[in-house]
Structures are given as C-alpha cells and as structure tokens.
Amino acid sequence: MRKRFSVSFVGLAYLIIGIIVAIARHYLTIGVLKVIGSAVLAVLLWWLLLLGVNLHIH
C-alpha cells in the first residue's frame, strides 16, 4: 500500500515539474491552458452541454 502511494506521488511531482518547465519555456500559455481546461470540463460534464450550459473558460 505504501509503495503505491510513493509511486503516485513521484508521478504527480514529475507532471507538475514538467508543466512548470513547459510554461517557463513558452510551450504552454494561458490560452492553451484555458482550451485544455474547457475540453476537460466538456468531457467530464458532457450532460451539461446537452442542456445548453456553456463550459468555455474565459
């Protein structure tokens, strides 16, 4: 059980550091993050889209 937590913590730290480096090197911008965020919301809350809710992040 403990080993699984440490692996997931290392993976999370790896992703966070990668995001920070990508932002610092201008591979990720606020515009890109907004588009990705909107897409994730649309996938997770697809049923709200069918009801006419706007999930775009402005």
N, C-alpha and C. Protein backbone atom coordinates (compact mmCIF):
# COMPACT_ATOMS: atom_id res chain seq x y z
N MET A 1 0.82 -1.18 0.00
CA MET A 1 0.00 0.00 0.00
C MET A 1 0.87 1.26 0.00
N ARG A 2 1.91 1.28 0.80
CA ARG A 2 2.76 2.46 0.90
C ARG A 2 3.54 2.69 -0.39
N LYS A 3 4.00 1.62 -1.01
CA LYS A 3 4.75 1.76 -2.26
C LYS A 3 3.90 2.39 -3.35
N ARG A 4 2.65 2.03 -3.41
CA ARG A 4 1.76 2.58 -4.42
C ARG A 4 1.61 4.09 -4.25
N PHE A 5 1.51 4.56 -3.01
CA PHE A 5 1.38 5.99 -2.74
C PHE A 5 2.65 6.73 -3.18
N SER A 6 3.81 6.16 -2.91
CA SER A 6 5.05 6.84 -3.27
C SER A 6 5.21 6.92 -4.79
N VAL A 7 4.77 5.90 -5.50
CA VAL A 7 4.85 5.94 -6.96
C VAL A 7 3.91 7.01 -7.50
N SER A 8 2.73 7.13 -6.96
CA SER A 8 1.80 8.13 -7.45
C SER A 8 2.28 9.53 -7.07
N PHE A 9 2.93 9.69 -5.92
CA PHE A 9 3.47 10.99 -5.54
C PHE A 9 4.60 11.39 -6.49
N VAL A 10 5.46 10.45 -6.84
CA VAL A 10 6.55 10.73 -7.77
C VAL A 10 5.99 11.09 -9.14
N GLY A 11 4.97 10.39 -9.58
CA GLY A 11 4.35 10.69 -10.86
C GLY A 11 3.71 12.07 -10.87
N LEU A 12 3.05 12.42 -9.79
CA LEU A 12 2.43 13.74 -9.69
C LEU A 12 3.49 14.83 -9.68
N ALA A 13 4.55 14.63 -8.93
CA ALA A 13 5.65 15.61 -8.89
C ALA A 13 6.28 15.76 -10.27
N TYR A 14 6.45 14.66 -10.99
CA TYR A 14 7.01 14.68 -12.35
C TYR A 14 6.14 15.52 -13.27
N LEU A 15 4.82 15.33 -13.21
CA LEU A 15 3.91 16.10 -14.06
C LEU A 15 3.92 17.58 -13.71
N ILE A 16 3.92 17.90 -12.43
CA ILE A 16 3.92 19.31 -12.01
C ILE A 16 5.20 20.01 -12.46
N ILE A 17 6.34 19.36 -12.28
CA ILE A 17 7.60 19.94 -12.72
C ILE A 17 7.61 20.11 -14.24
N GLY A 18 7.09 19.13 -14.95
CA GLY A 18 7.00 19.23 -16.41
C GLY A 18 6.14 20.39 -16.87
N ILE A 19 5.03 20.61 -16.20
CA ILE A 19 4.14 21.73 -16.54
C ILE A 19 4.85 23.06 -16.28
N ILE A 20 5.53 23.16 -15.15
CA ILE A 20 6.25 24.39 -14.82
C ILE A 20 7.33 24.68 -15.86
N VAL A 21 8.08 23.67 -16.25
CA VAL A 21 9.13 23.85 -17.25
C VAL A 21 8.53 24.23 -18.60
N ALA A 22 7.43 23.59 -18.98
CA ALA A 22 6.79 23.90 -20.26
C ALA A 22 6.26 25.34 -20.28
N ILE A 23 5.73 25.81 -19.17
CA ILE A 23 5.27 27.20 -19.09
C ILE A 23 6.46 28.15 -19.16
N ALA A 24 7.54 27.83 -18.46
CA ALA A 24 8.72 28.68 -18.45
C ALA A 24 9.36 28.78 -19.84
N ARG A 25 9.28 27.70 -20.62
CA ARG A 25 9.85 27.68 -21.97
C ARG A 25 8.84 28.07 -23.05
N HIS A 26 7.67 28.54 -22.64
CA HIS A 26 6.61 29.04 -23.52
C HIS A 26 6.02 27.97 -24.45
N TYR A 27 6.02 26.73 -24.00
CA TYR A 27 5.30 25.69 -24.72
C TYR A 27 3.83 25.68 -24.31
N LEU A 28 3.56 26.06 -23.07
CA LEU A 28 2.19 26.19 -22.56
C LEU A 28 1.96 27.66 -22.23
N THR A 29 0.81 28.17 -22.70
CA THR A 29 0.42 29.54 -22.38
C THR A 29 -0.94 29.50 -21.70
N ILE A 30 -1.35 30.64 -21.19
CA ILE A 30 -2.65 30.72 -20.53
C ILE A 30 -3.76 30.33 -21.52
N GLY A 31 -3.63 30.75 -22.77
CA GLY A 31 -4.64 30.41 -23.78
C GLY A 31 -4.76 28.91 -23.99
N VAL A 32 -3.63 28.24 -24.05
CA VAL A 32 -3.63 26.78 -24.23
C VAL A 32 -4.25 26.11 -23.00
N LEU A 33 -3.89 26.59 -21.80
CA LEU A 33 -4.44 26.01 -20.58
C LEU A 33 -5.96 26.21 -20.50
N LYS A 34 -6.46 27.35 -20.99
CA LYS A 34 -7.91 27.59 -21.00
C LYS A 34 -8.62 26.61 -21.94
N VAL A 35 -8.02 26.39 -23.10
CA VAL A 35 -8.62 25.45 -24.07
C VAL A 35 -8.62 24.03 -23.50
N ILE A 36 -7.51 23.63 -22.91
CA ILE A 36 -7.43 22.29 -22.32
C ILE A 36 -8.44 22.15 -21.17
N GLY A 37 -8.53 23.18 -20.33
CA GLY A 37 -9.48 23.16 -19.22
C GLY A 37 -10.92 23.06 -19.70
N SER A 38 -11.24 23.81 -20.74
CA SER A 38 -12.59 23.74 -21.30
C SER A 38 -12.88 22.36 -21.86
N ALA A 39 -11.90 21.77 -22.53
CA ALA A 39 -12.08 20.43 -23.10
C ALA A 39 -12.28 19.39 -22.01
N VAL A 40 -11.51 19.48 -20.94
CA VAL A 40 -11.66 18.53 -19.83
C VAL A 40 -13.04 18.67 -19.19
N LEU A 41 -13.46 19.91 -18.96
CA LEU A 41 -14.80 20.12 -18.40
C LEU A 41 -15.88 19.55 -19.32
N ALA A 42 -15.73 19.78 -20.62
CA ALA A 42 -16.72 19.28 -21.58
C ALA A 42 -16.80 17.76 -21.57
N VAL A 43 -15.65 17.09 -21.44
CA VAL A 43 -15.65 15.63 -21.41
C VAL A 43 -16.27 15.11 -20.12
N LEU A 44 -15.90 15.72 -19.00
CA LEU A 44 -16.41 15.24 -17.71
C LEU A 44 -17.87 15.61 -17.47
N LEU A 45 -18.29 16.74 -17.98
CA LEU A 45 -19.65 17.22 -17.74
C LEU A 45 -20.45 17.30 -19.04
N TRP A 46 -20.31 16.31 -19.90
CA TRP A 46 -20.94 16.32 -21.21
C TRP A 46 -22.45 16.48 -21.14
N TRP A 47 -23.05 15.98 -20.09
CA TRP A 47 -24.50 16.05 -19.96
C TRP A 47 -24.97 17.49 -19.78
N LEU A 48 -24.13 18.35 -19.21
CA LEU A 48 -24.49 19.76 -19.10
C LEU A 48 -24.49 20.43 -20.47
N LEU A 49 -23.61 19.97 -21.36
CA LEU A 49 -23.58 20.51 -22.71
C LEU A 49 -24.90 20.25 -23.43
N LEU A 50 -25.46 19.07 -23.19
CA LEU A 50 -26.74 18.73 -23.81
C LEU A 50 -27.88 19.60 -23.30
N LEU A 51 -27.71 20.15 -22.09
CA LEU A 51 -28.71 21.05 -21.52
C LEU A 51 -28.48 22.50 -21.92
N GLY A 52 -27.43 22.76 -22.69
CA GLY A 52 -27.17 24.10 -23.18
C GLY A 52 -26.24 24.95 -22.32
N VAL A 53 -25.55 24.31 -21.35
CA VAL A 53 -24.64 25.05 -20.48
C VAL A 53 -23.33 25.31 -21.23
N ASN A 54 -22.82 26.55 -21.13
CA ASN A 54 -21.56 26.92 -21.75
C ASN A 54 -20.43 26.63 -20.77
N LEU A 55 -19.52 25.74 -21.14
CA LEU A 55 -18.41 25.35 -20.27
C LEU A 55 -17.08 25.96 -20.69
N HIS A 56 -17.11 26.94 -21.59
CA HIS A 56 -15.86 27.58 -22.00
C HIS A 56 -15.30 28.43 -20.88
N ILE A 57 -14.00 28.31 -20.66
CA ILE A 57 -13.33 29.11 -19.64
C ILE A 57 -12.87 30.40 -20.33
N HIS A 58 -13.25 31.52 -19.77
CA HIS A 58 -12.91 32.82 -20.39
C HIS A 58 -11.82 33.48 -19.63
